[in-house]
Amino acid sequence: MEADMSFWGLFLEASLLVQAVMVLLVLMSILSWALIYQRRKILQGAETEALKFEERFWSGVDLAKLYKEVSAKGNKIQGAEHLFHSGFREYARLRQLRTMDSLSVMSGTQRAMRVAHSREMERLETHLSVLATIGSISPYIGLFGTVWGIMNSFIALGSVQQATLQMVAPGIAEALIATAMGLFAAIPAVIAYNKFSNQVAAIDGNYINFAEEFTGILQRQTFGSSAAQTDGQE
């Protein structure tokens, strides 16, 4: 009787441990593709939102008016908007305290933007470590299934006086499928992780540049007002 060399036939003929390895790799592949779709959507949305907000920011709109527009979004504030909202809110609050000097106002504003920036980066980097883990361990899990399957095949052949290729081939084939499945789960995860990491780094650079430029604008306003008050007192 010829062995069923189809994928399903080899899966059913494999040992219980190799079957468990295959099922685990299938689940890891499904998880990987789900995360790839989710991260792709989020990162593309972050890039688009950042471009739209910076275009609005540099259009010459009054900062107080822009702050009200952003505040109206409530919990939907994200990305560069989050940095601007946190920084301007802290800036306005500290400016109302007459006891705060200009350096303290700017220090508090920068601190607020750093916190917002940290939270945004945490949001963008969520689940990237899972993709990295899947990409790094899937081949080893598949290799483990292969080694185990081949080992069992040769143990079974030890009790046979004359081994033939027809006897060896099914066992080796079902074992090698585990390695193939491990690579199938790992390759897309590694490619996606590298691509998303580069996207996150680019977005991070844009956030840092925006925060620095926004800080420069607030500094000119702060120290300009302080200089005007000093001249008026003189």
Protein backbone atom coordinates (compact mmCIF):
# COMPACT_ATOMS: atom_id res chain seq x y z
CA MET A 1 0.00 0.00 0.00
CA GLU A 2 1.46 3.35 -1.09
CA ALA A 3 1.77 6.11 1.48
CA ASP A 4 -0.30 9.26 1.02
CA MET A 5 2.33 11.90 0.16
CA SER A 6 -0.10 14.84 0.28
CA PHE A 7 0.31 17.46 2.99
CA TRP A 8 -2.76 16.28 4.87
CA GLY A 9 -1.74 12.64 4.55
CA LEU A 10 1.77 13.34 5.84
CA PHE A 11 0.31 15.37 8.71
CA LEU A 12 -1.96 12.52 9.77
CA GLU A 13 0.90 10.01 9.55
CA ALA A 14 3.28 12.16 11.62
CA SER A 15 3.88 11.51 15.29
CA LEU A 16 1.83 13.37 17.88
CA LEU A 17 4.70 15.70 18.78
CA VAL A 18 5.38 16.62 15.15
CA GLN A 19 1.66 17.25 14.65
CA ALA A 20 1.69 19.55 17.69
CA VAL A 21 4.67 21.42 16.22
CA MET A 22 2.86 21.87 12.91
CA VAL A 23 -0.30 23.15 14.60
CA LEU A 24 1.75 25.56 16.70
CA LEU A 25 3.49 26.90 13.59
CA VAL A 26 0.17 27.38 11.81
CA LEU A 27 -1.15 29.36 14.79
CA MET A 28 2.02 31.46 14.89
CA SER A 29 1.70 32.17 11.16
CA ILE A 30 -1.93 33.26 11.58
CA LEU A 31 -0.96 35.52 14.50
CA SER A 32 1.90 36.95 12.47
CA TRP A 33 -0.31 37.89 9.52
CA ALA A 34 -2.94 39.39 11.83
CA LEU A 35 -0.30 41.59 13.48
CA ILE A 36 1.16 42.53 10.09
CA TYR A 37 -2.23 43.76 8.91
CA GLN A 38 -2.88 45.63 12.17
CA ARG A 39 0.56 47.30 12.38
CA ARG A 40 0.48 48.24 8.68
CA LYS A 41 -2.85 50.00 9.13
CA ILE A 42 -1.75 51.83 12.28
CA LEU A 43 1.62 52.99 10.95
CA GLN A 44 0.20 54.17 7.64
CA GLY A 45 -2.47 56.05 9.58
CA ALA A 46 0.19 57.64 11.80
CA GLU A 47 2.18 58.83 8.79
CA THR A 48 -0.91 60.30 7.12
CA GLU A 49 -2.11 62.04 10.30
CA ALA A 50 1.35 63.52 10.93
CA LEU A 51 1.51 64.99 7.42
CA LYS A 52 -1.99 66.47 7.69
CA PHE A 53 -1.36 68.01 11.09
CA GLU A 54 2.01 69.51 10.16
CA GLU A 55 0.47 71.02 7.04
CA ARG A 56 -2.21 72.61 9.22
CA PHE A 57 0.35 73.68 11.82
CA TRP A 58 2.58 75.45 9.30
CA SER A 59 -0.34 77.09 7.49
CA GLY A 60 -0.05 80.08 9.81
CA VAL A 61 -3.06 79.25 11.99
CA ASP A 62 -3.15 80.78 15.46
CA LEU A 63 -1.77 78.27 17.98
CA ALA A 64 -4.58 78.89 20.47
CA LYS A 65 -7.15 78.21 17.76
CA LEU A 66 -5.32 75.07 16.66
CA TYR A 67 -5.19 73.92 20.28
CA LYS A 68 -8.99 74.22 20.54
CA GLU A 69 -9.43 72.26 17.30
CA VAL A 70 -7.20 69.46 18.56
CA SER A 71 -8.82 69.45 22.01
CA ALA A 72 -12.23 68.91 20.39
CA LYS A 73 -11.08 65.44 19.29
CA GLY A 74 -10.97 64.26 22.90
CA ASN A 75 -9.51 60.76 23.27
CA LYS A 76 -8.75 60.52 19.54
CA ILE A 77 -5.71 62.80 19.80
CA GLN A 78 -2.67 60.93 18.47
CA GLY A 79 0.74 61.45 16.94
CA ALA A 80 2.08 64.95 16.41
CA GLU A 81 -1.25 66.31 17.59
CA HIS A 82 -0.63 64.64 20.94
CA LEU A 83 2.78 66.29 21.24
CA PHE A 84 1.38 69.69 20.31
CA HIS A 85 -1.63 69.37 22.62
CA SER A 86 0.42 68.27 25.62
CA GLY A 87 3.11 70.90 25.06
CA PHE A 88 0.78 73.84 24.44
CA ARG A 89 -1.49 72.90 27.36
CA GLU A 90 1.46 72.82 29.75
CA TYR A 91 2.89 76.01 28.23
CA ALA A 92 -0.39 77.90 28.68
CA ARG A 93 -0.84 76.61 32.23
CA LEU A 94 2.68 77.59 33.30
CA ARG A 95 2.43 81.02 31.66
CA GLN A 96 -0.54 81.77 33.90
CA LEU A 97 1.65 81.28 36.97
CA ARG A 98 3.30 84.65 37.45
CA THR A 99 5.96 83.11 39.68
CA MET A 100 7.37 80.96 36.85
CA ASP A 101 10.28 82.37 34.89
CA SER A 102 10.71 81.79 31.13
CA LEU A 103 13.25 78.97 31.53
CA SER A 104 10.97 77.07 33.91
CA VAL A 105 8.04 77.49 31.54
CA MET A 106 10.01 76.06 28.62
CA SER A 107 11.43 73.25 30.75
CA GLY A 108 7.95 72.17 31.81
CA THR A 109 6.68 72.40 28.23
CA GLN A 110 9.50 70.22 26.91
CA ARG A 111 8.94 67.69 29.69
CA ALA A 112 5.25 67.41 28.78
CA MET A 113 6.12 66.83 25.11
CA ARG A 114 8.70 64.19 26.02
CA VAL A 115 6.07 62.26 27.98
CA ALA A 116 3.62 62.50 25.06
CA HIS A 117 6.35 61.41 22.65
CA SER A 118 7.18 58.39 24.82
CA ARG A 119 3.53 57.31 24.91
CA GLU A 120 3.19 57.67 21.15
CA MET A 121 6.26 55.54 20.55
CA GLU A 122 4.90 52.87 22.87
CA ARG A 123 1.69 52.84 20.83
CA LEU A 124 3.53 52.54 17.52
CA GLU A 125 5.92 49.82 18.73
CA THR A 126 3.19 47.66 20.26
CA HIS A 127 3.41 43.99 19.13
CA LEU A 128 6.58 44.54 17.08
CA SER A 129 8.44 42.39 19.60
CA VAL A 130 5.92 39.59 18.94
CA LEU A 131 6.74 39.70 15.23
CA ALA A 132 10.44 39.63 16.05
CA THR A 133 9.92 36.63 18.33
CA ILE A 134 7.93 34.72 15.72
CA GLY A 135 10.54 35.46 13.09
CA SER A 136 13.40 34.28 15.28
CA ILE A 137 11.98 31.13 16.91
CA SER A 138 9.73 29.67 14.18
CA PRO A 139 12.61 28.08 12.21
CA TYR A 140 13.94 26.47 15.39
CA ILE A 141 10.54 25.09 16.32
CA GLY A 142 10.20 23.67 12.80
CA LEU A 143 13.72 22.24 12.98
CA PHE A 144 12.88 20.59 16.28
CA GLY A 145 9.88 18.90 14.66
CA THR A 146 12.05 17.80 11.75
CA VAL A 147 14.76 16.35 13.96
CA TRP A 148 12.20 14.53 16.07
CA GLY A 149 10.42 13.11 13.02
CA ILE A 150 13.64 11.92 11.35
CA MET A 151 14.83 10.41 14.60
CA ASN A 152 11.62 8.40 14.93
CA SER A 153 11.89 7.30 11.28
CA PHE A 154 15.39 5.92 11.78
CA ILE A 155 14.42 4.25 15.05
CA ALA A 156 11.59 2.50 13.22
CA LEU A 157 13.99 1.45 10.45
CA GLY A 158 16.27 -0.12 13.04
CA SER A 159 13.86 -3.04 13.41
CA VAL A 160 13.79 -3.71 9.65
CA GLN A 161 16.43 -5.91 8.08
CA GLN A 162 16.34 -4.29 4.64
CA ALA A 163 15.39 -0.62 4.31
CA THR A 164 14.17 0.81 1.02
CA LEU A 165 13.63 4.38 -0.21
CA GLN A 166 9.89 3.77 -0.21
CA MET A 167 10.06 3.01 3.49
CA VAL A 168 12.25 6.02 4.36
CA ALA A 169 10.74 8.73 2.15
CA PRO A 170 7.36 9.27 3.91
CA GLY A 171 8.92 9.64 7.34
CA ILE A 172 11.55 12.10 6.14
CA ALA A 173 8.97 14.04 4.09
CA GLU A 174 6.61 14.49 7.01
CA ALA A 175 9.52 15.60 9.16
CA LEU A 176 10.78 18.16 6.64
CA ILE A 177 7.32 19.72 6.38
CA ALA A 178 7.81 21.07 9.91
CA THR A 179 10.92 22.97 8.79
CA ALA A 180 9.08 24.32 5.74
CA MET A 181 6.22 25.51 7.93
CA GLY A 182 8.67 27.16 10.32
CA LEU A 183 10.23 29.10 7.45
CA PHE A 184 6.78 29.99 6.11
CA ALA A 185 5.89 31.53 9.48
CA ALA A 186 9.25 33.23 10.01
CA ILE A 187 9.99 34.88 6.65
CA PRO A 188 6.94 37.21 6.50
CA ALA A 189 7.37 38.09 10.19
CA VAL A 190 11.03 39.07 9.72
CA ILE A 191 10.32 41.11 6.59
CA ALA A 192 7.40 42.89 8.26
CA TYR A 193 9.37 43.56 11.44
CA ASN A 194 12.23 45.18 9.53
CA LYS A 195 9.84 47.26 7.43
CA PHE A 196 7.79 48.40 10.43
CA SER A 197 10.90 49.17 12.47
CA ASN A 198 12.11 51.49 9.71
CA GLN A 199 8.69 53.15 9.54
CA VAL A 200 8.63 53.67 13.30
CA ALA A 201 12.13 55.15 13.20
CA ALA A 202 11.09 57.57 10.44
CA ILE A 203 7.95 58.62 12.33
CA ASP A 204 10.00 59.02 15.51
CA GLY A 205 12.37 61.35 13.67
CA ASN A 206 9.44 63.43 12.43
CA TYR A 207 8.03 63.69 15.96
CA ILE A 208 11.40 64.80 17.35
CA ASN A 209 11.84 67.40 14.61
CA PHE A 210 8.33 68.73 15.16
CA ALA A 211 8.86 68.96 18.93
CA GLU A 212 12.11 70.89 18.42
CA GLU A 213 10.52 73.29 15.92
CA PHE A 214 7.49 73.83 18.14
CA THR A 215 9.77 74.44 21.12
CA GLY A 216 11.62 77.08 19.10
CA ILE A 217 8.36 78.88 18.31
CA LEU A 218 7.30 78.88 21.96
CA GLN A 219 10.73 80.08 23.06
CA ARG A 220 10.56 83.05 20.72
CA GLN A 221 7.12 83.92 22.08
CA THR A 222 8.19 83.45 25.70
CA PHE A 223 11.45 85.35 25.64
CA GLY A 224 10.01 87.96 23.30
CA SER A 225 7.23 88.67 25.79
CA SER A 226 9.71 88.78 28.66
CA ALA A 227 11.94 91.23 26.78
CA ALA A 228 8.94 93.43 25.97
CA GLN A 229 7.87 93.49 29.63
CA THR A 230 11.40 94.39 30.70
CA ASP A 231 11.58 97.25 28.20
CA GLY A 232 8.20 98.51 29.37
CA GLN A 233 9.30 98.57 32.99
CA GLU A 234 12.40 100.51 32.07
